[in-house]
C-alpha atoms as a PDB file:
ATOM      1  CA  ILE A   1      23.771 -23.675-113.431  1.00  0.00           C
ATOM      2  CA  GLY A   2      24.866 -26.617-115.535  1.00  0.00           C
ATOM      3  CA  LYS A   3      27.390 -29.261-114.699  1.00  0.00           C
ATOM      4  CA  ASP A   4      29.938 -27.794-117.047  1.00  0.00           C
ATOM      5  CA  ARG A   5      29.542 -24.413-115.436  1.00  0.00           C
ATOM      6  CA  ILE A   6      30.012 -25.942-112.009  1.00  0.00           C
ATOM      7  CA  LYS A   7      33.159 -27.761-113.123  1.00  0.00           C
ATOM      8  CA  ASP A   8      34.448 -24.560-114.646  1.00  0.00           C
ATOM      9  CA  LEU A   9      33.858 -22.663-111.385  1.00  0.00           C
ATOM     10  CA  GLU A  10      35.481 -25.409-109.371  1.00  0.00           C
ATOM     11  CA  ALA A  11      38.541 -25.251-111.626  1.00  0.00           C
ATOM     12  CA  ASP A  12      38.782 -21.494-111.317  1.00  0.00           C
ATOM     13  CA  PRO A  13      37.323 -20.289-107.934  1.00  0.00           C
ATOM     14  CA  LYS A  14      38.080 -16.687-108.876  1.00  0.00           C
ATOM     15  CA  LYS A  15      35.182 -16.779-111.282  1.00  0.00           C
ATOM     16  CA  ILE A  16      32.751 -17.532-108.420  1.00  0.00           C
ATOM     17  CA  ASP A  17      30.360 -14.677-107.656  1.00  0.00           C
ATOM     18  CA  TYR A  18      29.713 -14.968-103.928  1.00  0.00           C
ATOM     19  CA  ASP A  19      26.640 -12.724-104.043  1.00  0.00           C
ATOM     20  CA  SER A  20      25.080 -15.045-106.563  1.00  0.00           C
ATOM     21  CA  VAL A  21      25.956 -18.024-104.400  1.00  0.00           C
ATOM     22  CA  ILE A  22      24.346 -16.418-101.366  1.00  0.00           C
ATOM     23  CA  GLU A  23      21.221 -15.606-103.356  1.00  0.00           C
ATOM     24  CA  VAL A  24      21.021 -19.188-104.587  1.00  0.00           C
ATOM     25  CA  TYR A  25      21.544 -20.489-101.059  1.00  0.00           C
ATOM     26  CA  GLN A  26      18.872 -18.164 -99.643  1.00  0.00           C
ATOM     27  CA  ALA A  27      16.453 -19.255-102.345  1.00  0.00           C
ATOM     28  CA  PHE A  28      17.172 -22.867-101.459  1.00  0.00           C
ATOM     29  CA  LEU A  29      16.562 -22.209 -97.745  1.00  0.00           C
ATOM     30  CA  LYS A  30      13.351 -20.350 -98.514  1.00  0.00           C
ATOM     31  CA  LYS A  31      12.089 -23.271-100.557  1.00  0.00           C
ATOM     32  CA  GLU A  32      12.986 -25.640 -97.711  1.00  0.00           C
ATOM     33  CA  ARG A  33      11.142 -23.485 -95.161  1.00  0.00           C
ATOM     34  CA  GLU A  34       8.074 -23.294 -97.372  1.00  0.00           C
ATOM     35  CA  SER A  35       8.158 -27.056 -97.761  1.00  0.00           C
ATOM     36  CA  ILE A  36       8.418 -27.540 -93.983  1.00  0.00           C
ATOM     37  CA  ASP A  37       5.583 -25.056 -93.323  1.00  0.00           C
ATOM     38  CA  GLU A  38       3.395 -26.781 -95.858  1.00  0.00           C
ATOM     39  CA  GLU A  39       4.087 -30.146 -94.270  1.00  0.00           C
ATOM     40  CA  LYS A  40       3.339 -28.688 -90.857  1.00  0.00           C
ATOM     41  CA  LYS A  41       0.033 -27.207 -92.009  1.00  0.00           C
ATOM     42  CA  LYS A  42      -0.906 -30.524 -93.561  1.00  0.00           C
ATOM     43  CA  LYS A  43      -0.211 -32.367 -90.324  1.00  0.00           C
ATOM     44  CA  LEU A  44      -2.200 -29.791 -88.329  1.00  0.00           C
ATOM     45  CA  ARG A  45      -5.150 -30.236 -90.668  1.00  0.00           C
ATOM     46  CA  ASP A  46      -4.889 -33.990 -90.271  1.00  0.00           C
ATOM     47  CA  ILE A  47      -4.809 -33.656 -86.483  1.00  0.00           C
ATOM     48  CA  GLU A  48      -7.794 -31.293 -86.511  1.00  0.00           C
ATOM     49  CA  LEU A  49      -9.763 -33.671 -88.707  1.00  0.00           C
ATOM     50  CA  TRP A  50      -8.819 -36.608 -86.516  1.00  0.00           C
ATOM     51  CA  THR A  51      -9.824 -34.711 -83.360  1.00  0.00           C
ATOM     52  CA  ARG A  52     -13.131 -33.684 -84.875  1.00  0.00           C
ATOM     53  CA  ALA A  53     -13.817 -37.257 -85.953  1.00  0.00           C
ATOM     54  CA  LEU A  54     -12.926 -38.495 -82.460  1.00  0.00           C
ATOM     55  CA  ARG A  55     -15.329 -36.011 -80.900  1.00  0.00           C
ATOM     56  CA  GLU A  56     -18.056 -37.107 -83.239  1.00  0.00           C
ATOM     57  CA  GLU A  57     -17.411 -40.719 -82.318  1.00  0.00           C
ATOM     58  CA  GLU A  58     -17.497 -39.890 -78.612  1.00  0.00           C
ATOM     59  CA  LYS A  59     -20.701 -37.925 -79.079  1.00  0.00           C
ATOM     60  CA  LYS A  60     -22.321 -40.822 -80.879  1.00  0.00           C
ATOM     61  CA  ALA A  61     -21.177 -43.261 -78.204  1.00  0.00           C
ATOM     62  CA  ILE A  62     -22.519 -41.034 -75.425  1.00  0.00           C
ATOM     63  CA  GLU A  63     -25.840 -40.581 -77.175  1.00  0.00           C
ATOM     64  CA  LYS A  64     -26.124 -44.340 -77.718  1.00  0.00           C
ATOM     65  CA  TYR A  65     -25.241 -45.014 -74.028  1.00  0.00           C
ATOM     66  CA  ALA A  66     -27.779 -42.406 -72.966  1.00  0.00           C
ATOM     67  CA  ARG A  67     -30.470 -44.005 -75.083  1.00  0.00           C
ATOM     68  CA  ASP A  68     -29.689 -47.460 -73.746  1.00  0.00           C
ATOM     69  CA  HIS A  69     -28.974 -46.664 -70.055  1.00  0.00           C
ATOM     70  CA  GLY A  70     -30.237 -43.125 -69.502  1.00  0.00           C
ATOM     71  CA  GLU A  71     -33.426 -43.939 -67.622  1.00  0.00           C
ATOM     72  CA  LYS A  72     -31.692 -46.462 -65.392  1.00  0.00           C
ATOM     73  CA  GLU A  73     -28.858 -44.054 -64.626  1.00  0.00           C
ATOM     74  CA  MET A  74     -31.316 -41.252 -63.854  1.00  0.00           C
ATOM     75  CA  GLU A  75     -33.158 -43.509 -61.415  1.00  0.00           C
ATOM     76  CA  GLN A  76     -29.892 -44.414 -59.721  1.00  0.00           C
ATOM     77  CA  ILE A  77     -28.909 -40.732 -59.504  1.00  0.00           C
ATOM     78  CA  GLN A  78     -32.282 -39.836 -57.969  1.00  0.00           C
ATOM     79  CA  GLN A  79     -31.967 -42.700 -55.498  1.00  0.00           C
ATOM     80  CA  SER A  80     -28.476 -41.602 -54.487  1.00  0.00           C
ATOM     81  CA  ILE A  81     -29.699 -38.011 -54.043  1.00  0.00           C
ATOM     82  CA  GLN A  82     -32.596 -39.204 -51.885  1.00  0.00           C
ATOM     83  CA  ALA A  83     -30.287 -41.414 -49.818  1.00  0.00           C
ATOM     84  CA  LYS A  84     -27.923 -38.491 -49.333  1.00  0.00           C
ATOM     85  CA  LYS A  85     -30.776 -36.255 -48.148  1.00  0.00           C
ATOM     86  CA  GLU A  86     -31.971 -38.897 -45.681  1.00  0.00           C
ATOM     87  CA  LYS A  87     -28.439 -39.342 -44.359  1.00  0.00           C
ATOM     88  CA  GLU A  88     -28.014 -35.584 -43.905  1.00  0.00           C
ATOM     89  CA  LEU A  89     -31.358 -35.406 -42.077  1.00  0.00           C
ATOM     90  CA  LYS A  90     -30.328 -38.189 -39.681  1.00  0.00           C
ATOM     91  CA  GLU A  91     -26.979 -36.516 -39.033  1.00  0.00           C
ATOM     92  CA  LYS A  92     -28.705 -33.207 -38.370  1.00  0.00           C
ATOM     93  CA  GLN A  93     -31.113 -34.806 -35.886  1.00  0.00           C
ATOM     94  CA  SER A  94     -28.278 -36.632 -34.119  1.00  0.00           C
ATOM     95  CA  LEU A  95     -26.266 -33.407 -33.941  1.00  0.00           C
ATOM     96  CA  GLU A  96     -29.238 -31.531 -32.490  1.00  0.00           C
ATOM     97  CA  SER A  97     -29.709 -34.156 -29.780  1.00  0.00           C
ATOM     98  CA  ALA A  98     -25.962 -34.205 -29.118  1.00  0.00           C
ATOM     99  CA  GLY A  99     -25.986 -30.408 -28.936  1.00  0.00           C
ATOM    100  CA  SER A 100     -28.666 -30.423 -26.230  1.00  0.00           C
ATOM    101  CA  VAL A 101     -26.734 -33.072 -24.279  1.00  0.00           C
ATOM    102  CA  LEU A 102     -23.518 -31.073 -24.627  1.00  0.00           C
ATOM    103  CA  LYS A 103     -25.268 -27.905 -23.497  1.00  0.00           C
ATOM    104  CA  GLN A 104     -26.626 -29.642 -20.391  1.00  0.00           C
ATOM    105  CA  TYR A 105     -23.169 -31.098 -19.670  1.00  0.00           C
ATOM    106  CA  ILE A 106     -21.565 -27.666 -19.933  1.00  0.00           C
ATOM    107  CA  GLU A 107     -24.189 -26.189 -17.580  1.00  0.00           C
ATOM    108  CA  ASP A 108     -23.572 -28.943 -15.017  1.00  0.00           C
ATOM    109  CA  GLN A 109     -19.811 -28.455 -15.242  1.00  0.00           C
ATOM    110  CA  MET A 110     -20.185 -24.691 -14.804  1.00  0.00           C
ATOM    111  CA  LYS A 111     -22.295 -25.265 -11.666  1.00  0.00           C
ATOM    112  CA  VAL A 112     -19.608 -27.528 -10.224  1.00  0.00           C
ATOM    113  CA  ARG A 113     -16.898 -25.035 -11.160  1.00  0.00           C
ATOM    114  CA  ASN A 114     -18.808 -22.119  -9.614  1.00  0.00           C
ATOM    115  CA  THR A 115     -19.326 -24.113  -6.419  1.00  0.00           C
ATOM    116  CA  GLU A 116     -15.611 -24.947  -6.252  1.00  0.00           C
ATOM    117  CA  TRP A 117     -14.742 -21.316  -6.977  1.00  0.00           C
ATOM    118  CA  GLU A 118     -16.944 -20.040  -4.172  1.00  0.00           C
ATOM    119  CA  GLN A 119     -15.442 -22.596  -1.777  1.00  0.00           C
ATOM    120  CA  LYS A 120     -11.878 -21.670  -2.752  1.00  0.00           C
ATOM    121  CA  LYS A 121     -12.694 -17.986  -2.449  1.00  0.00           C
ATOM    122  CA  LYS A 122     -14.171 -18.526   1.006  1.00  0.00           C
ATOM    123  CA  GLU A 123     -11.118 -20.524   2.117  1.00  0.00           C
ATOM    124  CA  PHE A 124      -8.786 -17.851   0.757  1.00  0.00           C
ATOM    125  CA  THR A 125     -10.748 -15.111   2.540  1.00  0.00           C
ATOM    126  CA  ILE A 126     -10.651 -16.996   5.845  1.00  0.00           C
ATOM    127  CA  LYS A 127      -6.917 -17.628   5.438  1.00  0.00           C
ATOM    128  CA  LYS A 128      -6.175 -13.959   4.760  1.00  0.00           C
ATOM    129  CA  MET A 129      -8.404 -12.866   7.666  1.00  0.00           C
ATOM    130  CA  ASN A 130      -6.556 -15.226  10.024  1.00  0.00           C
ATOM    131  CA  GLU A 131      -3.206 -13.897   8.794  1.00  0.00           C
ATOM    132  CA  LEU A 132      -4.399 -10.327   9.298  1.00  0.00           C
ATOM    133  CA  LYS A 133      -5.758 -11.189  12.738  1.00  0.00           C
ATOM    134  CA  LYS A 134      -2.411 -12.749  13.651  1.00  0.00           C
ATOM    135  CA  GLN A 135      -0.543  -9.645  12.496  1.00  0.00           C
ATOM    136  CA  ILE A 136      -2.888  -7.378  14.438  1.00  0.00           C
ATOM    137  CA  LEU A 137      -2.510  -9.483  17.595  1.00  0.00           C
ATOM    138  CA  GLU A 138       1.278  -9.534  17.236  1.00  0.00           C
ATOM    139  CA  HIS A 139       1.330  -5.777  16.793  1.00  0.00           C
ATOM    140  CA  ALA A 140      -1.016  -5.306  19.750  1.00  0.00           C
ATOM    141  CA  ASN A 141       1.136  -7.627  21.886  1.00  0.00           C
ATOM    142  CA  THR A 142       4.248  -5.667  20.903  1.00  0.00           C
ATOM    143  CA  GLU A 143       2.566  -2.384  21.787  1.00  0.00           C
ATOM    144  CA  LEU A 144       1.363  -3.868  25.083  1.00  0.00           C
ATOM    145  CA  MET A 145       4.892  -4.984  25.960  1.00  0.00           C
ATOM    146  CA  LYS A 146       6.175  -1.516  25.118  1.00  0.00           C
ATOM    147  CA  GLU A 147       3.495   0.060  27.319  1.00  0.00           C
ATOM    148  CA  GLU A 148       4.254  -2.321  30.197  1.00  0.00           C
ATOM    149  CA  SER A 149       7.967  -1.594  29.851  1.00  0.00           C
ATOM    150  CA  ARG A 150       7.253   2.125  29.886  1.00  0.00           C
ATOM    151  CA  LYS A 151       5.110   1.776  33.027  1.00  0.00           C
ATOM    152  CA  ARG A 152       7.768  -0.337  34.774  1.00  0.00           C
ATOM    153  CA  THR A 153      10.382   2.276  33.911  1.00  0.00           C
ATOM    154  CA  GLU A 154       8.176   5.086  35.261  1.00  0.00           C
ATOM    155  CA  GLU A 155       7.518   3.060  38.408  1.00  0.00           C
ATOM    156  CA  MET A 156      11.215   2.473  38.991  1.00  0.00           C
ATOM    157  CA  LEU A 157      11.944   6.133  38.395  1.00  0.00           C
ATOM    158  CA  LYS A 158       9.305   7.033  40.990  1.00  0.00           C
ATOM    159  CA  ILE A 159      10.804   4.552  43.484  1.00  0.00           C
ATOM    160  CA  ARG A 160      14.255   5.989  42.844  1.00  0.00           C
ATOM    161  CA  ALA A 161      13.024   9.549  43.285  1.00  0.00           C
ATOM    162  CA  GLU A 162      11.234   8.607  46.529  1.00  0.00           C
ATOM    163  CA  ARG A 163      14.331   6.842  47.832  1.00  0.00           C
ATOM    164  CA  ASP A 164      16.518   9.826  46.966  1.00  0.00           C
ATOM    165  CA  ARG A 165      14.088  12.127  48.696  1.00  0.00           C
ATOM    166  CA  LYS A 166      14.157  10.063  51.889  1.00  0.00           C
ATOM    167  CA  ILE A 167      17.948   9.906  51.846  1.00  0.00           C
ATOM    168  CA  ARG A 168      18.168  13.669  51.436  1.00  0.00           C
ATOM    169  CA  GLU A 169      15.754  14.159  54.344  1.00  0.00           C
ATOM    170  CA  GLU A 170      17.770  11.815  56.595  1.00  0.00           C
ATOM    171  CA  GLU A 171      21.022  13.516  55.677  1.00  0.00           C
ATOM    172  CA  ALA A 172      19.481  16.931  56.244  1.00  0.00           C
ATOM    173  CA  LYS A 173      18.481  15.945  59.791  1.00  0.00           C
ATOM    174  CA  LYS A 174      22.034  14.915  60.695  1.00  0.00           C
ATOM    175  CA  PRO A 175      24.502  17.632  61.975  1.00  0.00           C
ATOM    176  CA  LYS A 176      27.097  18.717  59.504  1.00  0.00           C
ATOM    177  CA  ASN A 177      30.822  18.366  60.423  1.00  0.00           C
ATOM    178  CA  THR A 178      32.662  21.727  60.608  1.00  0.00           C
ATOM    179  CA  GLY A 179      36.152  20.181  60.635  1.00  0.00           C
ATOM    180  CA  PRO A 180      38.138  17.039  61.154  1.00  0.00           C
ATOM    181  CA  ARG A 181      37.764  15.322  64.513  1.00  0.00           C
ATOM    182  CA  GLU A 182      40.643  14.296  66.708  1.00  0.00           C
ATOM    183  CA  ASP A 183      40.211  10.598  66.014  1.00  0.00           C
ATOM    184  CA  GLY A 184      40.252  11.333  62.300  1.00  0.00           C
ATOM    185  CA  GLU A 185      36.653  10.164  61.805  1.00  0.00           C
ATOM    186  CA  GLY A 186      35.032  11.717  58.814  1.00  0.00           C
ATOM    187  CA  MET A 187      38.263  12.315  56.929  1.00  0.00           C
ATOM    188  CA  GLY A 188      38.379  10.847  53.503  1.00  0.00           C
ATOM    189  CA  GLU A 189      34.645  10.096  53.559  1.00  0.00           C
ATOM    190  CA  ASP A 190      32.626  10.637  50.436  1.00  0.00           C
ATOM    191  CA  THR A 191      29.643  12.725  51.525  1.00  0.00           C
ATOM    192  CA  ASP A 192      28.553  13.804  48.017  1.00  0.00           C
ATOM    193  CA  ASP A 193      25.419  15.438  49.467  1.00  0.00           C
ATOM    194  CA  GLU A 194      24.991  17.740  46.522  1.00  0.00           C
ATOM    195  CA  ASN A 195      25.109  15.027  43.792  1.00  0.00           C
ATOM    196  CA  GLU A 196      21.521  13.865  43.558  1.00  0.00           C
ATOM    197  CA  ASP A 197      22.324  11.316  40.843  1.00  0.00           C
ATOM    198  CA  SER A 198      24.705   9.355  43.123  1.00  0.00           C
ATOM    199  CA  TRP A 199      23.501   5.878  44.114  1.00  0.00           C
ATOM    200  CA  THR A 200      25.803   5.649  47.242  1.00  0.00           C
ATOM    201  CA  ARG A 201      25.161   8.961  48.997  1.00  0.00           C
ATOM    202  CA  GLY A 202      28.414   8.607  50.950  1.00  0.00           C
ATOM    203  CA  THR A 203      29.661   5.842  53.227  1.00  0.00           C
ATOM    204  CA  LYS A 204      29.003   7.337  56.609  1.00  0.00           C
ATOM    205  CA  LYS A 205      28.387   5.101  59.521  1.00  0.00           C
ATOM    206  CA  GLY A 206      24.802   4.078  59.793  1.00  0.00           C
ATOM    207  CA  VAL A 207      24.086   4.734  56.092  1.00  0.00           C
ATOM    208  CA  THR A 208      23.550   1.664  53.903  1.00  0.00           C
ATOM    209  CA  PRO A 209      24.753   2.001  50.320  1.00  0.00           C
ATOM    210  CA  ILE A 210      21.871   1.986  47.843  1.00  0.00           C
ATOM    211  CA  GLU A 211      22.048  -0.661  45.187  1.00  0.00           C
ATOM    212  CA  LYS A 212      21.336   0.517  41.657  1.00  0.00           C
ATOM    213  CA  PRO A 213      18.285  -1.337  40.330  1.00  0.00           C
ATOM    214  CA  GLU A 214      18.700  -3.343  37.174  1.00  0.00           C
ATOM    215  CA  ARG A 215      16.975  -1.790  34.205  1.00  0.00           C
ATOM    216  CA  PRO A 216      14.763  -4.206  32.241  1.00  0.00           C
ATOM    217  CA  VAL A 217      16.249  -5.330  28.950  1.00  0.00           C
ATOM    218  CA  THR A 218      13.779  -4.810  26.140  1.00  0.00           C
ATOM    219  CA  LYS A 219      14.097  -5.595  22.479  1.00  0.00           C
ATOM    220  CA  PRO A 220      14.309  -2.703  20.020  1.00  0.00           C
ATOM    221  CA  GLU A 221      10.861  -1.347  19.422  1.00  0.00           C
ATOM    222  CA  PRO A 222       9.609  -2.064  15.896  1.00  0.00           C
ATOM    223  CA  ARG A 223       8.927   1.016  13.882  1.00  0.00           C
ATOM    224  CA  GLU A 224       5.383   1.619  12.770  1.00  0.00           C
ATOM    225  CA  ASP A 225       6.375   2.048   9.112  1.00  0.00           C
ATOM    226  CA  ASP A 226       8.138  -1.379   9.199  1.00  0.00           C
ATOM    227  CA  PHE A 227       4.914  -2.999  10.351  1.00  0.00           C
ATOM    228  CA  ILE A 228       2.960  -1.241   7.598  1.00  0.00           C
ATOM    229  CA  LYS A 229       5.464  -2.423   4.969  1.00  0.00           C
ATOM    230  CA  ARG A 230       5.202  -6.036   6.197  1.00  0.00           C
ATOM    231  CA  PHE A 231       1.412  -5.799   6.142  1.00  0.00           C
ATOM    232  CA  ASP A 232       1.401  -4.353   2.587  1.00  0.00           C
ATOM    233  CA  ASN A 233       3.808  -7.022   1.295  1.00  0.00           C
ATOM    234  CA  GLN A 234       1.598  -9.782   2.616  1.00  0.00           C
END
């Protein structure tokens, strides 16, 4: 499009064909993209060439260094490898000796621990046996007290029965009163001959009242199952 044509279109915008403008603009953008891509490819080629040249330079430098210092470096590497092997051997030997010492130490400690364990176990066994012995003796003492109390009670019952028997015999030998006497003796007296559980047996002349013996006071007898529970809990 010439300058005159452009001026003409600017003067009369109605003459502008927008499709043509878009096509021109797209063609311009396409040309710009192609130019950018071409520039990009050129730079990539330059970078690739520069990288390749750098690698070649590095390769040459390495080869030159290897030619000049290769043998010396190899000797140093071999020496370092040998020194490393010797160091590892010394460490291995020291670890083996330390392992034997550690093993002996562990064995000695286990002997001491076993001895202490046996001693503690023996002390614990003796302690429990003494506790059990104490419980058995306490139980036996309780049972003995119960048995003694039972025997004392039986003895007192026998004494009471014998005393009652003698009183009944003495009263049986005496003549019975058929009625009240003139002087009023015998009236109002408590004979109570038939009540065998009475501890007075009347208050006739010549008859001493019988004192009721005191019954021994005993603690409540422990139940056998309570003793078993205490023994199991301990």
